[in-house]
Amino acid sequence: MNVHDSMLFRWAGYDIEEPRQKHLPVPRRKVLTASPKLTDQQIGQYLNYLRDALNPERGLRVSDYNPDDQVGTHKPLAEPRPCLFFTEQAAGDAEGHWRHYGRLGFGFAKGFIFGLGGRPVIYSGGSKDPVLKSVNSIRNILAGQYEEGHRIRRDFETLVRFIKLTSMPKREPQEPGPAVPKGKAAAKAAAKGVMAKTMLEQCEFPEHKPIRFLREREWRLIEPEAHTKRWHRDAEGHLWFAPEAGRELELIILPCNLLLQQVCNDPFIQKRLTGPTGIMAQPLSVQALRKL
């Protein structure tokens, strides 16, 4: 497998390094530093997280529904099911994401997630957005025709779960420029300035003011109504998704070389990363990833 290929990544571990900011939404969180200086306790927490992810009795913790994700101005007609969030990207381009979500990454083939029902999200934003208008209109119609909990209403809310609200970046106010001469010189200078500013914006806008939904391609995998062996709830009611290393989970990004060394010496993890033909899921450190 080429680590430059586009995969689906599930990033985790931000709360291990910045536990006081885990409640803040992205991108308001403080970004993680490029070079980790992890304590022994943080190394142990990352190691336990990985053990859980590779444990068929646990797996990846599925995100509960967040009211901030609600689409439309009306209350959902059915309780939205939890889902797993992924980012479609090449491993070598992942730095912008692990800085916000955590340095522990789980890489999957898109075909595997697609086969389970995972799909790219539809980006929508603004009260005049046609997607939002459609959601509100259909909700009103379904509420008038079907009782609460009806299958059609549940199916509709499942589709809405694939919609992500976002917004265009706001331009910062421009500072007043230097005074210019009056008359023809002023008009010429103004025209030249407008042209230069326009050319600059066309060249630098995507980099200087990046549009977040163009920097990534988010996918979502929603909890199925009928659970398979991969989906299960623990005694506390938390939902987990347990992938199998190799055919399903193909790449594991680790926070640092020190953790990579411990992973290679951990019998529990190695038993689940290797098979009869050798390594099934390739571990790789963020430090090595940044050199690719």
C-alpha atoms as a PDB file:
ATOM      1  CA  MET A   1       0.000   0.000   0.000  1.00  0.00           C
ATOM      2  CA  ASN A   2       1.243   3.465  -0.869  1.00  0.00           C
ATOM      3  CA  VAL A   3       0.813   5.866   2.074  1.00  0.00           C
ATOM      4  CA  HIS A   4       0.242   8.640  -0.470  1.00  0.00           C
ATOM      5  CA  ASP A   5      -2.936   6.967  -1.670  1.00  0.00           C
ATOM      6  CA  SER A   6      -6.170   8.596  -0.613  1.00  0.00           C
ATOM      7  CA  MET A   7      -7.724   6.746   2.326  1.00  0.00           C
ATOM      8  CA  LEU A   8     -10.337   7.344   4.995  1.00  0.00           C
ATOM      9  CA  PHE A   9      -8.843   8.305   8.363  1.00  0.00           C
ATOM     10  CA  ARG A  10     -10.370   8.347  11.812  1.00  0.00           C
ATOM     11  CA  TRP A  11      -8.274  10.689  14.012  1.00  0.00           C
ATOM     12  CA  ALA A  12      -8.338  10.521  17.813  1.00  0.00           C
ATOM     13  CA  GLY A  13      -6.406  11.416  20.949  1.00  0.00           C
ATOM     14  CA  TYR A  14      -6.766  15.193  21.164  1.00  0.00           C
ATOM     15  CA  ASP A  15      -8.177  14.998  24.676  1.00  0.00           C
ATOM     16  CA  ILE A  16      -5.066  13.082  25.787  1.00  0.00           C
ATOM     17  CA  GLU A  17      -2.812  16.046  25.053  1.00  0.00           C
ATOM     18  CA  GLU A  18      -5.275  18.926  25.560  1.00  0.00           C
ATOM     19  CA  PRO A  19      -7.951  17.611  27.951  1.00  0.00           C
ATOM     20  CA  ARG A  20      -9.057  21.111  28.987  1.00  0.00           C
ATOM     21  CA  GLN A  21      -9.961  22.030  25.400  1.00  0.00           C
ATOM     22  CA  LYS A  22     -11.635  18.854  24.180  1.00  0.00           C
ATOM     23  CA  HIS A  23     -15.070  20.476  24.588  1.00  0.00           C
ATOM     24  CA  LEU A  24     -14.262  23.230  22.077  1.00  0.00           C
ATOM     25  CA  PRO A  25     -15.316  22.674  18.457  1.00  0.00           C
ATOM     26  CA  VAL A  26     -12.821  22.537  15.632  1.00  0.00           C
ATOM     27  CA  PRO A  27     -11.191  24.848  14.575  1.00  0.00           C
ATOM     28  CA  ARG A  28     -11.457  26.834  17.820  1.00  0.00           C
ATOM     29  CA  ARG A  29      -9.379  24.261  19.644  1.00  0.00           C
ATOM     30  CA  LYS A  30      -5.722  24.920  20.228  1.00  0.00           C
ATOM     31  CA  VAL A  31      -3.795  23.033  17.552  1.00  0.00           C
ATOM     32  CA  LEU A  32      -1.294  20.425  18.687  1.00  0.00           C
ATOM     33  CA  THR A  33       2.393  21.157  18.246  1.00  0.00           C
ATOM     34  CA  ALA A  34       4.314  19.659  15.341  1.00  0.00           C
ATOM     35  CA  SER A  35       6.841  17.920  17.619  1.00  0.00           C
ATOM     36  CA  PRO A  36       5.158  16.023  20.466  1.00  0.00           C
ATOM     37  CA  LYS A  37       6.623  16.137  23.963  1.00  0.00           C
ATOM     38  CA  LEU A  38       4.493  13.433  25.497  1.00  0.00           C
ATOM     39  CA  THR A  39       4.707  12.395  29.137  1.00  0.00           C
ATOM     40  CA  ASP A  40       4.844   8.758  30.222  1.00  0.00           C
ATOM     41  CA  GLN A  41       1.210   9.061  31.259  1.00  0.00           C
ATOM     42  CA  GLN A  42       0.171  10.347  27.809  1.00  0.00           C
ATOM     43  CA  ILE A  43       2.145   7.569  26.123  1.00  0.00           C
ATOM     44  CA  GLY A  44       0.268   5.075  28.277  1.00  0.00           C
ATOM     45  CA  GLN A  45      -3.091   6.662  27.410  1.00  0.00           C
ATOM     46  CA  TYR A  46      -2.376   6.477  23.689  1.00  0.00           C
ATOM     47  CA  LEU A  47      -1.274   2.860  24.116  1.00  0.00           C
ATOM     48  CA  ASN A  48      -4.504   1.967  25.930  1.00  0.00           C
ATOM     49  CA  TYR A  49      -6.543   3.728  23.248  1.00  0.00           C
ATOM     50  CA  LEU A  50      -4.863   1.594  20.594  1.00  0.00           C
ATOM     51  CA  ARG A  51      -5.404  -1.591  22.613  1.00  0.00           C
ATOM     52  CA  ASP A  52      -9.113  -0.766  22.827  1.00  0.00           C
ATOM     53  CA  ALA A  53      -9.285  -0.078  19.086  1.00  0.00           C
ATOM     54  CA  LEU A  54      -7.780  -3.487  18.291  1.00  0.00           C
ATOM     55  CA  ASN A  55      -9.834  -5.334  20.890  1.00  0.00           C
ATOM     56  CA  PRO A  56     -12.830  -7.078  19.258  1.00  0.00           C
ATOM     57  CA  GLU A  57     -14.744  -6.547  22.511  1.00  0.00           C
ATOM     58  CA  ARG A  58     -14.231  -2.765  22.225  1.00  0.00           C
ATOM     59  CA  GLY A  59     -13.080  -1.050  18.995  1.00  0.00           C
ATOM     60  CA  LEU A  60     -13.466   2.570  17.930  1.00  0.00           C
ATOM     61  CA  ARG A  61     -15.805   4.648  20.070  1.00  0.00           C
ATOM     62  CA  VAL A  62     -18.725   5.875  17.947  1.00  0.00           C
ATOM     63  CA  SER A  63     -19.624   9.553  18.332  1.00  0.00           C
ATOM     64  CA  ASP A  64     -23.005  10.247  19.890  1.00  0.00           C
ATOM     65  CA  TYR A  65     -25.336  12.666  18.154  1.00  0.00           C
ATOM     66  CA  ASN A  66     -24.362  16.270  18.841  1.00  0.00           C
ATOM     67  CA  PRO A  67     -27.162  18.885  18.732  1.00  0.00           C
ATOM     68  CA  ASP A  68     -24.711  21.187  16.948  1.00  0.00           C
ATOM     69  CA  ASP A  69     -24.916  18.781  13.991  1.00  0.00           C
ATOM     70  CA  GLN A  70     -28.664  19.290  13.596  1.00  0.00           C
ATOM     71  CA  VAL A  71     -29.647  20.294  10.090  1.00  0.00           C
ATOM     72  CA  GLY A  72     -32.638  22.563   9.626  1.00  0.00           C
ATOM     73  CA  THR A  73     -34.593  24.842  11.936  1.00  0.00           C
ATOM     74  CA  HIS A  74     -37.133  22.213  13.006  1.00  0.00           C
ATOM     75  CA  LYS A  75     -36.652  19.465  15.550  1.00  0.00           C
ATOM     76  CA  PRO A  76     -35.637  16.145  13.950  1.00  0.00           C
ATOM     77  CA  LEU A  77     -38.553  13.783  13.392  1.00  0.00           C
ATOM     78  CA  ALA A  78     -36.551  10.853  14.764  1.00  0.00           C
ATOM     79  CA  GLU A  79     -33.570  10.533  17.073  1.00  0.00           C
ATOM     80  CA  PRO A  80     -30.493  10.652  14.805  1.00  0.00           C
ATOM     81  CA  ARG A  81     -28.274   7.614  15.151  1.00  0.00           C
ATOM     82  CA  PRO A  82     -24.599   7.913  16.182  1.00  0.00           C
ATOM     83  CA  CYS A  83     -21.934   7.705  13.515  1.00  0.00           C
ATOM     84  CA  LEU A  84     -18.212   7.472  12.855  1.00  0.00           C
ATOM     85  CA  PHE A  85     -16.509  10.432  11.173  1.00  0.00           C
ATOM     86  CA  PHE A  86     -13.712   9.970   8.631  1.00  0.00           C
ATOM     87  CA  THR A  87     -11.580  12.284   6.520  1.00  0.00           C
ATOM     88  CA  GLU A  88     -10.725  11.337   2.939  1.00  0.00           C
ATOM     89  CA  GLN A  89      -7.092  12.254   2.359  1.00  0.00           C
ATOM     90  CA  ALA A  90      -3.606  10.999   1.611  1.00  0.00           C
ATOM     91  CA  ALA A  91      -1.633  10.043   4.715  1.00  0.00           C
ATOM     92  CA  GLY A  92       1.095  12.492   3.794  1.00  0.00           C
ATOM     93  CA  ASP A  93      -1.408  15.365   3.845  1.00  0.00           C
ATOM     94  CA  ALA A  94      -2.823  14.580   7.278  1.00  0.00           C
ATOM     95  CA  GLU A  95      -1.014  17.147   9.417  1.00  0.00           C
ATOM     96  CA  GLY A  96      -3.808  19.695   9.249  1.00  0.00           C
ATOM     97  CA  HIS A  97      -6.156  17.146  10.780  1.00  0.00           C
ATOM     98  CA  TRP A  98      -4.148  15.405  13.471  1.00  0.00           C
ATOM     99  CA  ARG A  99      -3.245  18.839  14.854  1.00  0.00           C
ATOM    100  CA  HIS A 100      -6.972  19.375  15.560  1.00  0.00           C
ATOM    101  CA  TYR A 101      -8.231  15.859  16.314  1.00  0.00           C
ATOM    102  CA  GLY A 102      -5.242  13.997  17.791  1.00  0.00           C
ATOM    103  CA  ARG A 103      -2.156  12.203  16.527  1.00  0.00           C
ATOM    104  CA  LEU A 104      -3.606   8.690  16.550  1.00  0.00           C
ATOM    105  CA  GLY A 105      -4.972   7.848  13.102  1.00  0.00           C
ATOM    106  CA  PHE A 106      -6.762   4.762  11.783  1.00  0.00           C
ATOM    107  CA  GLY A 107      -6.636   4.375   8.002  1.00  0.00           C
ATOM    108  CA  PHE A 108      -9.272   2.455   6.050  1.00  0.00           C
ATOM    109  CA  ALA A 109      -9.815   1.662   2.390  1.00  0.00           C
ATOM    110  CA  LYS A 110     -12.689   3.699   0.976  1.00  0.00           C
ATOM    111  CA  GLY A 111     -14.193   0.585  -0.578  1.00  0.00           C
ATOM    112  CA  PHE A 112     -14.546  -1.085   2.819  1.00  0.00           C
ATOM    113  CA  ILE A 113     -16.346   1.870   4.443  1.00  0.00           C
ATOM    114  CA  PHE A 114     -18.486   2.344   1.325  1.00  0.00           C
ATOM    115  CA  GLY A 115     -19.504  -1.317   1.463  1.00  0.00           C
ATOM    116  CA  LEU A 116     -20.770  -0.826   5.017  1.00  0.00           C
ATOM    117  CA  GLY A 117     -22.924   2.136   3.967  1.00  0.00           C
ATOM    118  CA  GLY A 118     -20.479   4.985   4.641  1.00  0.00           C
ATOM    119  CA  ARG A 119     -20.785   7.948   2.275  1.00  0.00           C
ATOM    120  CA  PRO A 120     -19.290  11.422   1.717  1.00  0.00           C
ATOM    121  CA  VAL A 121     -21.284  14.188   3.338  1.00  0.00           C
ATOM    122  CA  ILE A 122     -23.233  16.884   1.517  1.00  0.00           C
ATOM    123  CA  TYR A 123     -21.952  20.312   2.569  1.00  0.00           C
ATOM    124  CA  SER A 124     -24.592  22.927   3.195  1.00  0.00           C
ATOM    125  CA  GLY A 125     -24.747  26.330   4.834  1.00  0.00           C
ATOM    126  CA  GLY A 126     -26.849  29.467   5.135  1.00  0.00           C
ATOM    127  CA  SER A 127     -30.566  29.875   5.703  1.00  0.00           C
ATOM    128  CA  LYS A 128     -31.181  30.289   1.957  1.00  0.00           C
ATOM    129  CA  ASP A 129     -29.355  27.092   1.070  1.00  0.00           C
ATOM    130  CA  PRO A 130     -31.609  24.852  -1.084  1.00  0.00           C
ATOM    131  CA  VAL A 131     -30.587  21.764   0.901  1.00  0.00           C
ATOM    132  CA  LEU A 132     -31.760  23.318   4.179  1.00  0.00           C
ATOM    133  CA  LYS A 133     -35.004  24.476   2.576  1.00  0.00           C
ATOM    134  CA  SER A 134     -35.662  20.958   1.309  1.00  0.00           C
ATOM    135  CA  VAL A 135     -34.976  19.403   4.720  1.00  0.00           C
ATOM    136  CA  ASN A 136     -37.420  21.751   6.445  1.00  0.00           C
ATOM    137  CA  SER A 137     -40.120  21.250   3.806  1.00  0.00           C
ATOM    138  CA  ILE A 138     -39.906  17.447   3.884  1.00  0.00           C
ATOM    139  CA  ARG A 139     -39.923  17.393   7.691  1.00  0.00           C
ATOM    140  CA  ASN A 140     -43.162  19.406   7.741  1.00  0.00           C
ATOM    141  CA  ILE A 141     -44.810  17.093   5.209  1.00  0.00           C
ATOM    142  CA  LEU A 142     -43.739  13.884   6.983  1.00  0.00           C
ATOM    143  CA  ALA A 143     -44.844  15.219  10.369  1.00  0.00           C
ATOM    144  CA  GLY A 144     -48.329  15.769   8.963  1.00  0.00           C
ATOM    145  CA  GLN A 145     -48.638  12.329   7.357  1.00  0.00           C
ATOM    146  CA  TYR A 146     -46.825   9.831   9.575  1.00  0.00           C
ATOM    147  CA  GLU A 147     -46.773   9.140  13.296  1.00  0.00           C
ATOM    148  CA  GLU A 148     -43.652   9.639  15.350  1.00  0.00           C
ATOM    149  CA  GLY A 149     -41.262   6.710  15.018  1.00  0.00           C
ATOM    150  CA  HIS A 150     -42.583   5.695  11.592  1.00  0.00           C
ATOM    151  CA  ARG A 151     -40.019   3.986   9.378  1.00  0.00           C
ATOM    152  CA  ILE A 152     -40.246   6.664   6.686  1.00  0.00           C
ATOM    153  CA  ARG A 153     -39.486   9.382   9.213  1.00  0.00           C
ATOM    154  CA  ARG A 154     -36.529   7.374  10.565  1.00  0.00           C
ATOM    155  CA  ASP A 155     -35.216   6.812   7.048  1.00  0.00           C
ATOM    156  CA  PHE A 156     -35.430  10.510   6.284  1.00  0.00           C
ATOM    157  CA  GLU A 157     -33.418  11.441   9.391  1.00  0.00           C
ATOM    158  CA  THR A 158     -30.807   8.875   8.338  1.00  0.00           C
ATOM    159  CA  LEU A 159     -30.365  10.708   5.047  1.00  0.00           C
ATOM    160  CA  VAL A 160     -30.166  14.063   6.850  1.00  0.00           C
ATOM    161  CA  ARG A 161     -27.312  12.658   8.965  1.00  0.00           C
ATOM    162  CA  PHE A 162     -25.169  12.796   5.811  1.00  0.00           C
ATOM    163  CA  ILE A 163     -25.532  16.593   5.610  1.00  0.00           C
ATOM    164  CA  LYS A 164     -22.863  18.779   7.208  1.00  0.00           C
ATOM    165  CA  LEU A 165     -23.436  22.441   7.991  1.00  0.00           C
ATOM    166  CA  THR A 166     -20.574  24.746   7.144  1.00  0.00           C
ATOM    167  CA  SER A 167     -19.989  28.331   6.055  1.00  0.00           C
ATOM    168  CA  MET A 168     -17.742  30.383   3.836  1.00  0.00           C
ATOM    169  CA  PRO A 169     -14.930  32.236   5.622  1.00  0.00           C
ATOM    170  CA  LYS A 170     -15.509  35.882   6.405  1.00  0.00           C
ATOM    171  CA  ARG A 171     -13.063  38.333   4.908  1.00  0.00           C
ATOM    172  CA  GLU A 172     -11.233  40.499   7.382  1.00  0.00           C
ATOM    173  CA  PRO A 173     -11.858  44.256   7.007  1.00  0.00           C
ATOM    174  CA  GLN A 174      -9.246  45.962   4.893  1.00  0.00           C
ATOM    175  CA  GLU A 175      -7.068  48.625   6.485  1.00  0.00           C
ATOM    176  CA  PRO A 176      -7.205  52.041   4.782  1.00  0.00           C
ATOM    177  CA  GLY A 177      -4.387  52.469   2.305  1.00  0.00           C
ATOM    178  CA  PRO A 178      -2.048  55.447   1.927  1.00  0.00           C
ATOM    179  CA  ALA A 179      -3.346  58.722   0.507  1.00  0.00           C
ATOM    180  CA  VAL A 180      -3.169  59.041  -3.285  1.00  0.00           C
ATOM    181  CA  PRO A 181      -2.968  62.125  -5.505  1.00  0.00           C
ATOM    182  CA  LYS A 182      -6.111  63.728  -6.924  1.00  0.00           C
ATOM    183  CA  GLY A 183      -7.277  63.853 -10.537  1.00  0.00           C
ATOM    184  CA  LYS A 184      -6.133  61.471 -13.280  1.00  0.00           C
ATOM    185  CA  ALA A 185      -3.221  60.239 -11.173  1.00  0.00           C
ATOM    186  CA  ALA A 186      -5.638  59.215  -8.446  1.00  0.00           C
ATOM    187  CA  ALA A 187      -7.874  57.330 -10.879  1.00  0.00           C
ATOM    188  CA  LYS A 188      -4.887  55.570 -12.439  1.00  0.00           C
ATOM    189  CA  ALA A 189      -3.443  54.622  -9.060  1.00  0.00           C
ATOM    190  CA  ALA A 190      -6.825  53.390  -7.852  1.00  0.00           C
ATOM    191  CA  ALA A 191      -7.349  51.270 -10.960  1.00  0.00           C
ATOM    192  CA  LYS A 192      -3.882  49.798 -10.627  1.00  0.00           C
ATOM    193  CA  GLY A 193      -4.473  49.074  -6.954  1.00  0.00           C
ATOM    194  CA  VAL A 194      -7.802  47.352  -7.624  1.00  0.00           C
ATOM    195  CA  MET A 195      -6.243  45.206 -10.346  1.00  0.00           C
ATOM    196  CA  ALA A 196      -3.322  44.209  -8.136  1.00  0.00           C
ATOM    197  CA  LYS A 197      -5.642  43.426  -5.215  1.00  0.00           C
ATOM    198  CA  THR A 198      -7.911  41.334  -7.436  1.00  0.00           C
ATOM    199  CA  MET A 199      -4.993  39.347  -8.840  1.00  0.00           C
ATOM    200  CA  LEU A 200      -3.616  38.816  -5.351  1.00  0.00           C
ATOM    201  CA  GLU A 201      -6.934  37.519  -4.053  1.00  0.00           C
ATOM    202  CA  GLN A 202      -7.316  35.156  -6.978  1.00  0.00           C
ATOM    203  CA  CYS A 203      -3.869  33.721  -6.358  1.00  0.00           C
ATOM    204  CA  GLU A 204      -3.778  33.626  -2.561  1.00  0.00           C
ATOM    205  CA  PHE A 205      -7.376  33.287  -1.378  1.00  0.00           C
ATOM    206  CA  PRO A 206      -7.406  29.467  -1.208  1.00  0.00           C
ATOM    207  CA  GLU A 207      -4.227  29.480   0.891  1.00  0.00           C
ATOM    208  CA  HIS A 208      -4.670  32.678   2.875  1.00  0.00           C
ATOM    209  CA  LYS A 209      -8.340  32.117   3.721  1.00  0.00           C
ATOM    210  CA  PRO A 210      -8.893  28.378   3.274  1.00  0.00           C
ATOM    211  CA  ILE A 211     -12.460  27.160   2.995  1.00  0.00           C
ATOM    212  CA  ARG A 212     -12.670  24.357   5.527  1.00  0.00           C
ATOM    213  CA  PHE A 213     -14.939  22.093   3.507  1.00  0.00           C
ATOM    214  CA  LEU A 214     -12.490  22.258   0.586  1.00  0.00           C
ATOM    215  CA  ARG A 215      -9.563  21.211   2.758  1.00  0.00           C
ATOM    216  CA  GLU A 216     -11.134  17.860   3.520  1.00  0.00           C
ATOM    217  CA  ARG A 217     -13.724  15.439   2.275  1.00  0.00           C
ATOM    218  CA  GLU A 218     -15.664  14.123   5.244  1.00  0.00           C
ATOM    219  CA  TRP A 219     -17.315  10.710   5.259  1.00  0.00           C
ATOM    220  CA  ARG A 220     -19.779   9.332   7.788  1.00  0.00           C
ATOM    221  CA  LEU A 221     -20.640   5.771   8.729  1.00  0.00           C
ATOM    222  CA  ILE A 222     -23.980   5.643  10.535  1.00  0.00           C
ATOM    223  CA  GLU A 223     -24.982   3.030  13.091  1.00  0.00           C
ATOM    224  CA  PRO A 224     -27.144   0.426  11.321  1.00  0.00           C
ATOM    225  CA  GLU A 225     -30.566  -0.390  12.726  1.00  0.00           C
ATOM    226  CA  ALA A 226     -29.622  -4.076  12.843  1.00  0.00           C
ATOM    227  CA  HIS A 227     -26.216  -4.497  14.520  1.00  0.00           C
ATOM    228  CA  THR A 228     -23.608  -6.841  13.072  1.00  0.00           C
ATOM    229  CA  LYS A 229     -20.693  -8.339  15.012  1.00  0.00           C
ATOM    230  CA  ARG A 230     -18.700  -5.128  14.404  1.00  0.00           C
ATOM    231  CA  TRP A 231     -21.254  -2.935  16.205  1.00  0.00           C
ATOM    232  CA  HIS A 232     -21.961  -3.414  19.903  1.00  0.00           C
ATOM    233  CA  ARG A 233     -22.787  -1.504  23.080  1.00  0.00           C
ATOM    234  CA  ASP A 234     -21.047  -1.877  26.418  1.00  0.00           C
ATOM    235  CA  ALA A 235     -22.651  -2.041  29.842  1.00  0.00           C
ATOM    236  CA  GLU A 236     -22.681   1.772  30.045  1.00  0.00           C
ATOM    237  CA  GLY A 237     -24.533   2.114  26.739  1.00  0.00           C
ATOM    238  CA  HIS A 238     -21.574   3.389  24.694  1.00  0.00           C
ATOM    239  CA  LEU A 239     -21.504   2.284  21.069  1.00  0.00           C
ATOM    240  CA  TRP A 240     -18.355   0.736  19.568  1.00  0.00           C
ATOM    241  CA  PHE A 241     -17.258  -0.268  16.079  1.00  0.00           C
ATOM    242  CA  ALA A 242     -14.657  -3.066  15.980  1.00  0.00           C
ATOM    243  CA  PRO A 243     -12.775  -3.303  12.648  1.00  0.00           C
ATOM    244  CA  GLU A 244     -10.488  -6.184  11.761  1.00  0.00           C
ATOM    245  CA  ALA A 245      -6.825  -5.391  11.184  1.00  0.00           C
ATOM    246  CA  GLY A 246      -5.646  -6.088   7.653  1.00  0.00           C
ATOM    247  CA  ARG A 247      -8.539  -6.329   5.221  1.00  0.00           C
ATOM    248  CA  GLU A 248     -10.393  -3.503   6.970  1.00  0.00           C
ATOM    249  CA  LEU A 249      -7.973  -1.461   9.090  1.00  0.00           C
ATOM    250  CA  GLU A 250      -4.873  -0.986   6.918  1.00  0.00           C
ATOM    251  CA  LEU A 251      -2.785   1.812   8.428  1.00  0.00           C
ATOM    252  CA  ILE A 252      -2.214   3.093  11.976  1.00  0.00           C
ATOM    253  CA  ILE A 253      -0.572   6.479  12.534  1.00  0.00           C
ATOM    254  CA  LEU A 254       1.084   6.789  15.957  1.00  0.00           C
ATOM    255  CA  PRO A 255       1.980  10.041  17.777  1.00  0.00           C
ATOM    256  CA  CYS A 256       5.748   9.463  18.019  1.00  0.00           C
ATOM    257  CA  ASN A 257       8.593   7.006  17.495  1.00  0.00           C
ATOM    258  CA  LEU A 258       8.663   6.159  21.204  1.00  0.00           C
ATOM    259  CA  LEU A 259       5.081   4.901  21.070  1.00  0.00           C
ATOM    260  CA  LEU A 260       5.860   3.041  17.845  1.00  0.00           C
ATOM    261  CA  GLN A 261       8.652   1.220  19.668  1.00  0.00           C
ATOM    262  CA  GLN A 262       6.313   0.247  22.503  1.00  0.00           C
ATOM    263  CA  VAL A 263       3.681  -0.923  20.029  1.00  0.00           C
ATOM    264  CA  CYS A 264       6.222  -3.197  18.363  1.00  0.00           C
ATOM    265  CA  ASN A 265       7.023  -4.740  21.786  1.00  0.00           C
ATOM    266  CA  ASP A 266       3.426  -5.103  22.982  1.00  0.00           C
ATOM    267  CA  PRO A 267       2.265  -8.766  22.656  1.00  0.00           C
ATOM    268  CA  PHE A 268      -1.454  -7.907  22.703  1.00  0.00           C
ATOM    269  CA  ILE A 269      -1.155  -5.361  19.879  1.00  0.00           C
ATOM    270  CA  GLN A 270       1.265  -7.393  17.786  1.00  0.00           C
ATOM    271  CA  LYS A 271      -1.011 -10.426  17.937  1.00  0.00           C
ATOM    272  CA  ARG A 272      -3.730  -8.346  16.274  1.00  0.00           C
ATOM    273  CA  LEU A 273      -1.489  -6.560  13.787  1.00  0.00           C
ATOM    274  CA  THR A 274       0.154  -9.680  12.373  1.00  0.00           C
ATOM    275  CA  GLY A 275      -1.120 -12.777  10.651  1.00  0.00           C
ATOM    276  CA  PRO A 276       0.141 -15.829   8.784  1.00  0.00           C
ATOM    277  CA  THR A 277       1.422 -13.655   5.942  1.00  0.00           C
ATOM    278  CA  GLY A 278       3.054 -10.999   8.177  1.00  0.00           C
ATOM    279  CA  ILE A 279       1.914  -7.517   9.152  1.00  0.00           C
ATOM    280  CA  MET A 280      -1.755  -6.923   8.317  1.00  0.00           C
ATOM    281  CA  ALA A 281      -2.056  -3.309   9.505  1.00  0.00           C
ATOM    282  CA  GLN A 282       1.042  -1.126   9.096  1.00  0.00           C
ATOM    283  CA  PRO A 283       1.968   1.122  12.063  1.00  0.00           C
ATOM    284  CA  LEU A 284       3.720   4.391  11.212  1.00  0.00           C
ATOM    285  CA  SER A 285       4.693   7.335  13.417  1.00  0.00           C
ATOM    286  CA  VAL A 286       3.683  10.950  12.777  1.00  0.00           C
ATOM    287  CA  GLN A 287       7.376  11.846  12.847  1.00  0.00           C
ATOM    288  CA  ALA A 288       8.062   9.432   9.989  1.00  0.00           C
ATOM    289  CA  LEU A 289       4.947  10.605   8.173  1.00  0.00           C
ATOM    290  CA  ARG A 290       6.136  14.203   8.145  1.00  0.00           C
ATOM    291  CA  LYS A 291       9.311  13.148   6.323  1.00  0.00           C
ATOM    292  CA  LEU A 292       7.478  11.474   3.442  1.00  0.00           C
END
